[in-house]
Amino acid sequence: MPDILTPETTGYLNSVRGKQTPLIAEMEKYAEENHVPILDPNSAAFLEVLVKSSNAGTVLEIGTAIAYTTTRIAAALPEKGMIYTIEKSADMIPLAQRNIEASGVKHKIKLLQGEAFHHLLNLDIEFDLIFLDADKEDYKRLFELSLPLLKKGGLYIVDNLLWHGYTAFSGEIPQKYLRSTGMVREFNQIFLKSPALQTSLIPIGDGLGLGYKLTEKGEDTINNIHMCYKNFDLIVNNRMEEPEDMRTLLELTIEGELEKNFEEMCFDAKYMIGLGSSIAKAEESPDINSYGTMKDDLSSTILKFLGNLKEILAFAEEKFQLYFINKYLQQNEEDEEMEDLLRLVSDFAEMKLIINELKRT
């Protein structure tokens, strides 16, 4: 395995470290014995310096694990500072809670449990510093969702950008690290070349990415679906029958990276509404010879719409899948079933108009 630093250099850095608190030492020991990935201690010390020197008051951490970095950042914050930390692992959360309780700085820590995607979409806070240390496969999407929450002049810090030395390694990469190395390499190109940040990759620990925010909050590039979600309540303005259902579908769309499916559904819904009107007119005028073709077109469009909906619902919990099926897609009499589906189609057709409005602005 390639080394970022020589063993001698690593040993020297560890030998000159300052004295650690008993809790920090305990967490480092636990992580080593139980193979829990935590931030390299020298990187953590550097992060503490960044927190203090930047006068950060509000910090976002994506990936808590056992709260090793969380408690170190909290200790570096001013007395009225706050770190919001997000963890999705049910196994890690009890360990994190125990360590936070024992840290002496729990009043400066807010632990958010569950998928980071959902929290990032709903947070309405401007952060002074963001630290990303989560699953590598999620880095790109988590970065895109969290960057707009960082203030101009704030710091964005990412761990593992040298990924055990493999991102710079030209030899054969072990199968265990092959996929993740490709993901980190791809993310490095996005992060280090982001027009919103002035960046540097620092060869400390497992490679720390450091970015200084150049743009104002709200100026960052964000796609139409993300923008639609961030402004959802304001934009829909009571125009939809079931806004909360649409909000959940938007969350699932973003979580599953299925924006294309969602936009196709919006387009197809608008098309179906127009097609339905044409079919209704054709039924009143038997001489219109395209009636059968329009009916076939409507049937195929409905199937395409439902296929995309199925892709999005695959990311939902079973209880929401059942709720959604029973509400909109239940197998009743044909007229009732179409009436339920039409309510959903109407909302999607409205979403197409909303997305078009966003594109224009």
Protein backbone atom coordinates (compact mmCIF):
# COMPACT_ATOMS: atom_id res chain seq x y z
CA MET A 1 0.00 0.00 0.00
CA PRO A 2 1.42 3.45 -0.89
CA ASP A 3 2.20 5.84 1.96
CA ILE A 4 1.30 9.53 1.98
CA LEU A 5 4.07 10.17 4.49
CA THR A 6 7.05 7.99 5.33
CA PRO A 7 6.66 5.86 8.46
CA GLU A 8 9.48 7.87 10.03
CA THR A 9 7.66 11.16 9.42
CA THR A 10 4.38 9.76 10.75
CA GLY A 11 6.14 8.43 13.83
CA TYR A 12 7.82 11.77 14.44
CA LEU A 13 4.53 13.70 14.10
CA ASN A 14 2.88 11.38 16.60
CA SER A 15 5.79 11.71 19.03
CA VAL A 16 5.54 15.50 19.22
CA ARG A 17 1.76 15.63 19.66
CA GLY A 18 0.46 17.53 22.63
CA LYS A 19 -1.07 15.74 25.59
CA GLN A 20 -4.58 14.43 24.85
CA THR A 21 -7.57 14.36 27.18
CA PRO A 22 -8.51 10.93 28.56
CA LEU A 23 -11.67 10.90 26.40
CA ILE A 24 -9.75 11.65 23.19
CA ALA A 25 -7.21 8.95 24.01
CA GLU A 26 -10.03 6.51 24.79
CA MET A 27 -11.79 7.24 21.47
CA GLU A 28 -8.55 6.81 19.50
CA LYS A 29 -7.93 3.46 21.22
CA TYR A 30 -11.51 2.32 20.60
CA ALA A 31 -11.34 3.30 16.92
CA GLU A 32 -8.08 1.41 16.40
CA GLU A 33 -9.26 -1.74 18.17
CA ASN A 34 -12.68 -1.80 16.48
CA HIS A 35 -11.62 -0.61 13.02
CA VAL A 36 -13.76 2.51 13.16
CA PRO A 37 -12.50 5.15 10.70
CA ILE A 38 -11.85 8.47 12.44
CA LEU A 39 -9.92 11.55 11.41
CA ASP A 40 -6.15 11.23 11.69
CA PRO A 41 -5.08 12.83 15.03
CA ASN A 42 -2.68 15.24 13.31
CA SER A 43 -5.41 16.26 10.87
CA ALA A 44 -7.76 16.76 13.83
CA ALA A 45 -5.23 19.05 15.51
CA PHE A 46 -4.91 21.03 12.27
CA LEU A 47 -8.71 21.24 12.04
CA GLU A 48 -8.87 22.65 15.57
CA VAL A 49 -6.44 25.39 14.53
CA LEU A 50 -8.59 26.18 11.48
CA VAL A 51 -11.73 26.42 13.63
CA LYS A 52 -10.07 28.83 16.05
CA SER A 53 -8.15 30.94 13.52
CA SER A 54 -11.25 31.41 11.33
CA ASN A 55 -13.33 32.49 14.35
CA ALA A 56 -15.96 29.96 13.34
CA GLY A 57 -19.09 30.07 15.45
CA THR A 58 -21.37 27.68 13.57
CA VAL A 59 -20.02 24.44 12.11
CA LEU A 60 -21.60 21.64 10.09
CA GLU A 61 -20.07 18.17 10.24
CA ILE A 62 -21.28 15.49 7.80
CA GLY A 63 -20.34 12.11 9.27
CA THR A 64 -20.17 11.86 13.07
CA ALA A 65 -19.05 8.24 13.62
CA ILE A 66 -18.12 8.03 17.33
CA ALA A 67 -17.99 11.87 17.66
CA TYR A 68 -14.18 12.01 17.80
CA THR A 69 -13.90 15.02 15.49
CA THR A 70 -17.21 16.41 16.74
CA THR A 71 -16.01 16.83 20.31
CA ARG A 72 -12.64 18.24 19.22
CA ILE A 73 -14.31 20.86 17.05
CA ALA A 74 -16.81 21.71 19.80
CA ALA A 75 -13.96 22.25 22.27
CA ALA A 76 -12.35 24.68 19.80
CA LEU A 77 -15.54 26.70 19.33
CA PRO A 78 -16.37 29.78 21.42
CA GLU A 79 -18.70 29.26 24.38
CA LYS A 80 -21.79 30.19 22.36
CA GLY A 81 -20.66 28.27 19.28
CA MET A 82 -22.53 25.27 17.87
CA ILE A 83 -21.64 22.27 15.74
CA TYR A 84 -24.41 20.45 13.89
CA THR A 85 -23.26 16.91 13.15
CA ILE A 86 -25.09 14.36 10.99
CA GLU A 87 -24.84 10.57 11.37
CA LYS A 88 -26.93 7.90 9.62
CA SER A 89 -25.48 4.73 11.18
CA ALA A 90 -27.70 3.25 13.89
CA ASP A 91 -24.61 1.47 15.25
CA MET A 92 -22.56 4.66 15.60
CA ILE A 93 -25.22 6.92 17.11
CA PRO A 94 -25.24 5.40 20.66
CA LEU A 95 -21.42 5.55 20.76
CA ALA A 96 -21.48 9.16 19.58
CA GLN A 97 -24.10 10.08 22.17
CA ARG A 98 -22.06 8.51 24.97
CA ASN A 99 -18.91 10.37 23.94
CA ILE A 100 -20.78 13.65 23.54
CA GLU A 101 -22.22 13.26 27.05
CA ALA A 102 -18.72 12.69 28.46
CA SER A 103 -17.07 15.51 26.49
CA GLY A 104 -17.94 18.48 28.68
CA VAL A 105 -19.02 20.41 25.56
CA LYS A 106 -22.34 18.72 24.79
CA HIS A 107 -24.10 22.11 25.03
CA LYS A 108 -22.25 23.07 21.84
CA ILE A 109 -23.25 19.93 19.90
CA LYS A 110 -26.48 19.12 18.05
CA LEU A 111 -26.57 15.55 16.74
CA LEU A 112 -28.84 15.05 13.72
CA GLN A 113 -29.73 11.41 13.11
CA GLY A 114 -30.56 9.94 9.71
CA GLU A 115 -29.65 10.46 6.07
CA ALA A 116 -27.57 13.57 5.47
CA PHE A 117 -29.46 14.29 2.24
CA HIS A 118 -32.70 14.95 4.11
CA HIS A 119 -31.08 17.16 6.75
CA LEU A 120 -29.14 19.20 4.19
CA LEU A 121 -32.30 19.88 2.22
CA ASN A 122 -34.08 21.14 5.34
CA LEU A 123 -31.33 23.08 7.14
CA ASP A 124 -31.76 26.84 6.90
CA ILE A 125 -28.55 27.90 8.64
CA GLU A 126 -25.52 29.80 7.36
CA PHE A 127 -22.36 27.99 8.47
CA ASP A 128 -18.88 29.40 9.04
CA LEU A 129 -17.19 26.05 8.46
CA ILE A 130 -18.26 22.71 6.95
CA PHE A 131 -16.39 19.44 7.47
CA LEU A 132 -17.22 16.50 5.19
CA ASP A 133 -16.11 13.00 6.25
CA ALA A 134 -18.76 10.52 5.10
CA ASP A 135 -19.13 7.62 2.65
CA LYS A 136 -16.94 8.38 -0.37
CA GLU A 137 -19.68 7.37 -2.82
CA ASP A 138 -21.83 10.20 -1.42
CA TYR A 139 -19.16 12.94 -1.46
CA LYS A 140 -20.24 14.57 -4.73
CA ARG A 141 -23.91 14.85 -3.82
CA LEU A 142 -23.26 15.87 -0.19
CA PHE A 143 -20.85 18.56 -1.38
CA GLU A 144 -23.41 19.92 -3.86
CA LEU A 145 -26.14 20.04 -1.22
CA SER A 146 -24.03 21.52 1.58
CA LEU A 147 -21.94 24.13 -0.26
CA PRO A 148 -24.87 26.59 -0.55
CA LEU A 149 -25.11 26.54 3.27
CA LEU A 150 -21.57 27.94 3.67
CA LYS A 151 -21.14 31.69 4.07
CA LYS A 152 -18.84 33.74 1.86
CA GLY A 153 -15.40 33.62 3.49
CA GLY A 154 -16.22 30.32 5.20
CA LEU A 155 -14.07 27.19 5.10
CA TYR A 156 -15.02 23.89 3.47
CA ILE A 157 -12.86 20.97 4.63
CA VAL A 158 -12.95 17.40 3.29
CA ASP A 159 -11.06 14.34 4.57
CA ASN A 160 -9.63 11.35 2.68
CA LEU A 161 -8.78 13.10 -0.58
CA LEU A 162 -5.53 11.12 -0.90
CA TRP A 163 -7.39 7.93 0.11
CA HIS A 164 -4.62 5.80 1.61
CA GLY A 165 -2.30 7.15 -1.08
CA TYR A 166 -4.24 5.50 -3.91
CA THR A 167 -5.52 8.66 -5.62
CA ALA A 168 -1.91 9.46 -6.61
CA PHE A 169 -0.85 5.82 -7.08
CA SER A 170 0.00 4.73 -10.63
CA GLY A 171 0.32 1.02 -9.83
CA GLU A 172 -2.35 -1.64 -9.54
CA ILE A 173 -4.97 -0.72 -6.94
CA PRO A 174 -6.35 -3.55 -4.77
CA GLN A 175 -9.93 -4.54 -5.64
CA LYS A 176 -11.06 -3.44 -2.17
CA TYR A 177 -10.12 0.17 -2.95
CA LEU A 178 -10.65 0.25 -6.71
CA ARG A 179 -14.18 1.68 -6.85
CA SER A 180 -13.74 4.11 -3.96
CA THR A 181 -10.45 5.38 -5.40
CA GLY A 182 -12.20 6.22 -8.67
CA MET A 183 -14.90 8.09 -6.76
CA VAL A 184 -12.39 10.11 -4.72
CA ARG A 185 -10.40 10.96 -7.85
CA GLU A 186 -13.58 12.17 -9.55
CA PHE A 187 -14.59 14.20 -6.49
CA ASN A 188 -11.14 15.80 -6.26
CA GLN A 189 -11.60 17.24 -9.76
CA ILE A 190 -14.96 18.71 -8.74
CA PHE A 191 -13.83 20.09 -5.37
CA LEU A 192 -10.42 21.43 -6.35
CA LYS A 193 -11.77 23.11 -9.50
CA SER A 194 -14.97 24.50 -7.98
CA PRO A 195 -15.42 28.15 -9.06
CA ALA A 196 -17.07 28.81 -5.69
CA LEU A 197 -13.91 27.96 -3.74
CA GLN A 198 -10.22 28.76 -3.54
CA THR A 199 -8.80 25.34 -2.74
CA SER A 200 -5.76 23.38 -1.67
CA LEU A 201 -5.08 19.68 -1.03
CA ILE A 202 -2.89 19.24 2.03
CA PRO A 203 -0.90 15.99 2.44
CA ILE A 204 -1.67 15.51 6.10
CA GLY A 205 -3.35 12.40 7.53
CA ASP A 206 -5.29 10.87 4.64
CA GLY A 207 -5.29 14.10 2.66
CA LEU A 208 -7.31 17.16 3.70
CA GLY A 209 -9.05 19.30 1.11
CA LEU A 210 -9.35 22.93 2.17
CA GLY A 211 -11.61 25.43 0.41
CA TYR A 212 -12.22 29.13 1.06
CA LYS A 213 -15.70 30.23 -0.07
CA LEU A 214 -15.65 32.96 -2.72
CA THR A 215 -19.36 33.25 -3.44
CA GLU A 216 -22.28 34.55 -1.44
CA LYS A 217 -24.82 32.15 0.03
CA GLY A 218 -27.37 31.56 -2.72
CA GLU A 219 -24.98 32.25 -5.62
CA ASP A 220 -23.78 28.67 -5.93
CA THR A 221 -24.65 26.53 -8.91
CA ILE A 222 -27.58 24.32 -7.97
CA ASN A 223 -29.79 22.39 -10.39
CA ASN A 224 -33.47 23.09 -10.93
CA ILE A 225 -34.71 20.19 -8.80
CA HIS A 226 -32.54 21.29 -5.85
CA MET A 227 -33.66 24.89 -6.30
CA CYS A 228 -37.26 23.76 -6.52
CA TYR A 229 -36.92 21.92 -3.22
CA LYS A 230 -35.09 24.74 -1.41
CA ASN A 231 -37.90 27.15 -2.35
CA PHE A 232 -40.70 24.59 -2.30
CA ASP A 233 -43.12 26.20 0.17
CA LEU A 234 -42.81 29.62 -1.42
CA ILE A 235 -43.04 28.35 -4.99
CA VAL A 236 -46.03 26.01 -4.70
CA ASN A 237 -48.07 28.67 -2.87
CA ASN A 238 -51.07 26.38 -2.37
CA ARG A 239 -51.12 25.53 -6.10
CA MET A 240 -50.93 21.79 -5.43
CA GLU A 241 -53.40 19.35 -3.94
CA GLU A 242 -50.82 17.28 -2.06
CA PRO A 243 -47.67 19.39 -1.52
CA GLU A 244 -46.26 17.16 1.25
CA ASP A 245 -46.39 14.11 -1.02
CA MET A 246 -44.54 16.06 -3.70
CA ARG A 247 -41.97 17.21 -1.15
CA THR A 248 -41.27 13.60 -0.19
CA LEU A 249 -40.91 12.63 -3.85
CA LEU A 250 -38.49 15.54 -4.33
CA GLU A 251 -36.39 14.31 -1.40
CA LEU A 252 -36.34 10.76 -2.81
CA THR A 253 -35.44 12.14 -6.24
CA ILE A 254 -32.44 14.00 -4.88
CA GLU A 255 -31.36 11.11 -2.66
CA GLY A 256 -31.47 8.67 -5.58
CA GLU A 257 -29.96 11.12 -8.11
CA LEU A 258 -33.07 10.66 -10.24
CA GLU A 259 -33.60 14.26 -11.35
CA LYS A 260 -33.94 13.11 -14.96
CA ASN A 261 -36.77 10.73 -13.99
CA PHE A 262 -38.55 13.49 -12.08
CA GLU A 263 -38.30 15.98 -14.94
CA GLU A 264 -39.53 13.34 -17.40
CA MET A 265 -42.55 12.79 -15.14
CA CYS A 266 -43.25 16.53 -15.11
CA PHE A 267 -43.05 16.68 -18.90
CA ASP A 268 -45.17 13.55 -19.38
CA ALA A 269 -47.78 14.81 -16.90
CA LYS A 270 -48.20 18.07 -18.80
CA TYR A 271 -48.40 16.10 -22.05
CA MET A 272 -51.02 13.72 -20.61
CA ILE A 273 -53.23 16.61 -19.51
CA GLY A 274 -53.17 18.07 -23.03
CA LEU A 275 -53.68 14.65 -24.57
CA GLY A 276 -56.61 13.96 -22.27
CA SER A 277 -58.31 17.18 -23.42
CA SER A 278 -57.80 16.19 -27.06
CA ILE A 279 -59.24 12.73 -26.43
CA ALA A 280 -62.29 14.25 -24.72
CA LYS A 281 -62.92 16.43 -27.80
CA ALA A 282 -62.42 13.43 -30.09
CA GLU A 283 -65.03 11.46 -28.15
CA GLU A 284 -67.52 14.23 -28.92
CA SER A 285 -66.57 14.24 -32.61
CA PRO A 286 -66.48 10.67 -33.99
CA ASP A 287 -65.17 11.95 -37.33
CA ILE A 288 -61.75 12.66 -35.78
CA ASN A 289 -59.77 9.67 -37.03
CA SER A 290 -56.79 10.01 -34.67
CA TYR A 291 -58.82 9.00 -31.60
CA GLY A 292 -57.36 5.48 -31.38
CA THR A 293 -53.80 6.73 -31.84
CA MET A 294 -54.24 9.29 -29.07
CA LYS A 295 -55.62 6.64 -26.71
CA ASP A 296 -52.61 4.41 -27.42
CA ASP A 297 -50.28 7.37 -26.92
CA LEU A 298 -51.93 8.16 -23.58
CA SER A 299 -51.60 4.55 -22.42
CA SER A 300 -47.89 4.39 -23.30
CA THR A 301 -47.23 7.76 -21.63
CA ILE A 302 -49.00 6.61 -18.46
CA LEU A 303 -46.82 3.48 -18.40
CA LYS A 304 -43.68 5.60 -18.82
CA PHE A 305 -44.86 7.97 -16.06
CA LEU A 306 -45.48 5.04 -13.70
CA GLY A 307 -42.12 3.48 -14.58
CA ASN A 308 -40.30 6.66 -13.53
CA LEU A 309 -42.44 6.87 -10.38
CA LYS A 310 -41.48 3.29 -9.53
CA GLU A 311 -37.77 4.21 -9.84
CA ILE A 312 -38.19 7.09 -7.39
CA LEU A 313 -40.34 5.13 -4.92
CA ALA A 314 -37.69 2.40 -4.79
CA PHE A 315 -35.74 4.71 -2.44
CA ALA A 316 -38.70 5.14 -0.07
CA GLU A 317 -39.43 3.23 3.10
CA GLU A 318 -42.02 0.51 2.66
CA LYS A 319 -44.65 2.41 4.68
CA PHE A 320 -44.45 5.38 2.29
CA GLN A 321 -44.56 3.08 -0.73
CA LEU A 322 -47.76 1.50 0.60
CA TYR A 323 -49.22 4.89 1.52
CA PHE A 324 -48.50 6.24 -1.95
CA ILE A 325 -49.86 3.18 -3.76
CA ASN A 326 -53.04 3.16 -1.67
CA LYS A 327 -53.58 6.87 -2.16
CA TYR A 328 -52.90 7.27 -5.87
CA LEU A 329 -52.54 3.85 -7.49
CA GLN A 330 -55.02 1.60 -5.73
CA GLN A 331 -56.74 -1.03 -7.83
CA ASN A 332 -60.32 0.23 -7.66
CA GLU A 333 -62.83 0.61 -10.43
CA GLU A 334 -61.14 2.08 -13.50
CA ASP A 335 -62.78 5.49 -13.16
CA GLU A 336 -61.78 5.84 -9.49
CA GLU A 337 -58.26 4.63 -10.19
CA MET A 338 -57.84 7.15 -13.00
CA GLU A 339 -59.23 9.90 -10.77
CA ASP A 340 -56.58 9.14 -8.12
CA LEU A 341 -53.84 9.05 -10.74
CA LEU A 342 -55.09 12.28 -12.29
CA ARG A 343 -54.59 14.14 -9.00
CA LEU A 344 -50.96 13.06 -9.00
CA VAL A 345 -50.53 13.89 -12.69
CA SER A 346 -52.00 17.36 -12.11
CA ASP A 347 -49.43 18.08 -9.40
CA PHE A 348 -46.60 16.89 -11.64
CA ALA A 349 -47.89 19.05 -14.49
CA GLU A 350 -47.81 21.99 -12.07
CA MET A 351 -44.23 21.08 -11.14
CA LYS A 352 -43.25 21.37 -14.81
CA LEU A 353 -44.52 24.95 -14.81
CA ILE A 354 -42.63 25.66 -11.58
CA ILE A 355 -39.37 24.24 -12.95
CA ASN A 356 -39.81 26.30 -16.13
CA GLU A 357 -40.29 29.40 -13.98
CA LEU A 358 -37.04 28.62 -12.16
CA LYS A 359 -35.20 28.17 -15.47
CA ARG A 360 -36.40 31.58 -16.62
CA THR A 361 -35.22 33.27 -13.41
